[in-house]
Amino acid sequence: MSATRDTGFFTESLASRDPEVFKSVSDELGRQRDEIELIASENIVSLAVLQAQGSVMTNKYAEGYP
């Protein structure tokens, strides 16, 4: 594979791939930032957790312990 293949399925942003889902995610982020959450089961995680969950580690699948 060529290192110059920087476009396509794996590099396209959510905003360009699915604008409706992107808007939904953006709206939810705004809601969480601007409104108080009174449901105990709703948790807000740190930026570090969001970054880890949105990293290449999402491509891994594991069930149980090794």
C-alpha atoms as a PDB file:
ATOM      1  CA  MET A   1       0.000   0.000   0.000  1.00  0.00           C
ATOM      2  CA  SER A   2       1.120   3.485  -0.741  1.00  0.00           C
ATOM      3  CA  ALA A   3       1.750   5.894   2.109  1.00  0.00           C
ATOM      4  CA  THR A   4       0.133   8.620   0.028  1.00  0.00           C
ATOM      5  CA  ARG A   5      -3.377   7.142   0.305  1.00  0.00           C
ATOM      6  CA  ASP A   6      -4.701   9.727   2.727  1.00  0.00           C
ATOM      7  CA  THR A   7      -8.286   9.912   1.516  1.00  0.00           C
ATOM      8  CA  GLY A   8     -11.190   7.556   1.697  1.00  0.00           C
ATOM      9  CA  PHE A   9     -13.130   5.447   4.128  1.00  0.00           C
ATOM     10  CA  PHE A  10     -10.569   5.438   6.967  1.00  0.00           C
ATOM     11  CA  THR A  11      -9.637   9.124   6.834  1.00  0.00           C
ATOM     12  CA  GLU A  12     -12.917  10.896   6.127  1.00  0.00           C
ATOM     13  CA  SER A  13     -14.301  12.920   9.035  1.00  0.00           C
ATOM     14  CA  LEU A  14     -17.680  12.258  10.598  1.00  0.00           C
ATOM     15  CA  ALA A  15     -18.824  15.731   9.546  1.00  0.00           C
ATOM     16  CA  SER A  16     -18.237  14.977   5.879  1.00  0.00           C
ATOM     17  CA  ARG A  17     -19.240  11.295   6.031  1.00  0.00           C
ATOM     18  CA  ASP A  18     -22.533  11.729   7.900  1.00  0.00           C
ATOM     19  CA  PRO A  19     -23.491  15.347   8.653  1.00  0.00           C
ATOM     20  CA  GLU A  20     -26.699  14.303  10.435  1.00  0.00           C
ATOM     21  CA  VAL A  21     -24.858  12.104  12.959  1.00  0.00           C
ATOM     22  CA  PHE A  22     -22.189  14.798  13.372  1.00  0.00           C
ATOM     23  CA  LYS A  23     -24.895  17.363  14.188  1.00  0.00           C
ATOM     24  CA  SER A  24     -26.475  14.983  16.687  1.00  0.00           C
ATOM     25  CA  VAL A  25     -23.134  14.413  18.442  1.00  0.00           C
ATOM     26  CA  SER A  26     -22.400  18.157  18.442  1.00  0.00           C
ATOM     27  CA  ASP A  27     -25.847  18.950  19.835  1.00  0.00           C
ATOM     28  CA  GLU A  28     -25.399  16.368  22.611  1.00  0.00           C
ATOM     29  CA  LEU A  29     -22.007  17.823  23.527  1.00  0.00           C
ATOM     30  CA  GLY A  30     -23.605  21.257  23.789  1.00  0.00           C
ATOM     31  CA  ARG A  31     -26.431  19.880  25.911  1.00  0.00           C
ATOM     32  CA  GLN A  32     -23.990  18.230  28.311  1.00  0.00           C
ATOM     33  CA  ARG A  33     -21.906  21.402  28.594  1.00  0.00           C
ATOM     34  CA  ASP A  34     -24.782  23.859  29.002  1.00  0.00           C
ATOM     35  CA  GLU A  35     -27.427  22.014  31.029  1.00  0.00           C
ATOM     36  CA  ILE A  36     -27.527  20.320  34.408  1.00  0.00           C
ATOM     37  CA  GLU A  37     -27.878  16.533  34.423  1.00  0.00           C
ATOM     38  CA  LEU A  38     -30.258  15.285  37.116  1.00  0.00           C
ATOM     39  CA  ILE A  39     -30.204  11.600  36.175  1.00  0.00           C
ATOM     40  CA  ALA A  40     -27.836   9.704  38.486  1.00  0.00           C
ATOM     41  CA  SER A  41     -26.976   7.080  35.871  1.00  0.00           C
ATOM     42  CA  GLU A  42     -25.692   9.710  33.423  1.00  0.00           C
ATOM     43  CA  ASN A  43     -21.964  10.269  33.771  1.00  0.00           C
ATOM     44  CA  ILE A  44     -19.710  12.869  32.223  1.00  0.00           C
ATOM     45  CA  VAL A  45     -16.203  11.638  31.555  1.00  0.00           C
ATOM     46  CA  SER A  46     -12.970  13.565  31.244  1.00  0.00           C
ATOM     47  CA  LEU A  47     -11.429  14.622  27.944  1.00  0.00           C
ATOM     48  CA  ALA A  48      -8.741  11.951  28.424  1.00  0.00           C
ATOM     49  CA  VAL A  49     -11.388   9.206  28.598  1.00  0.00           C
ATOM     50  CA  LEU A  50     -13.153  10.546  25.494  1.00  0.00           C
ATOM     51  CA  GLN A  51      -9.835  10.578  23.629  1.00  0.00           C
ATOM     52  CA  ALA A  52      -8.989   7.031  24.709  1.00  0.00           C
ATOM     53  CA  GLN A  53     -12.404   5.719  23.682  1.00  0.00           C
ATOM     54  CA  GLY A  54     -12.110   7.444  20.323  1.00  0.00           C
ATOM     55  CA  SER A  55      -8.612   6.134  19.629  1.00  0.00           C
ATOM     56  CA  VAL A  56      -7.327   3.247  17.511  1.00  0.00           C
ATOM     57  CA  MET A  57      -7.852   1.047  20.570  1.00  0.00           C
ATOM     58  CA  THR A  58     -11.529   1.006  19.573  1.00  0.00           C
ATOM     59  CA  ASN A  59     -10.451  -1.346  16.768  1.00  0.00           C
ATOM     60  CA  LYS A  60      -9.547  -4.009  19.344  1.00  0.00           C
ATOM     61  CA  TYR A  61     -12.040  -6.546  20.628  1.00  0.00           C
ATOM     62  CA  ALA A  62     -11.542  -8.399  23.872  1.00  0.00           C
ATOM     63  CA  GLU A  63     -13.880 -10.440  25.993  1.00  0.00           C
ATOM     64  CA  GLY A  64     -13.013 -11.523  29.485  1.00  0.00           C
ATOM     65  CA  TYR A  65      -9.476 -11.825  30.800  1.00  0.00           C
ATOM     66  CA  PRO A  66      -6.450 -13.365  29.043  1.00  0.00           C
END
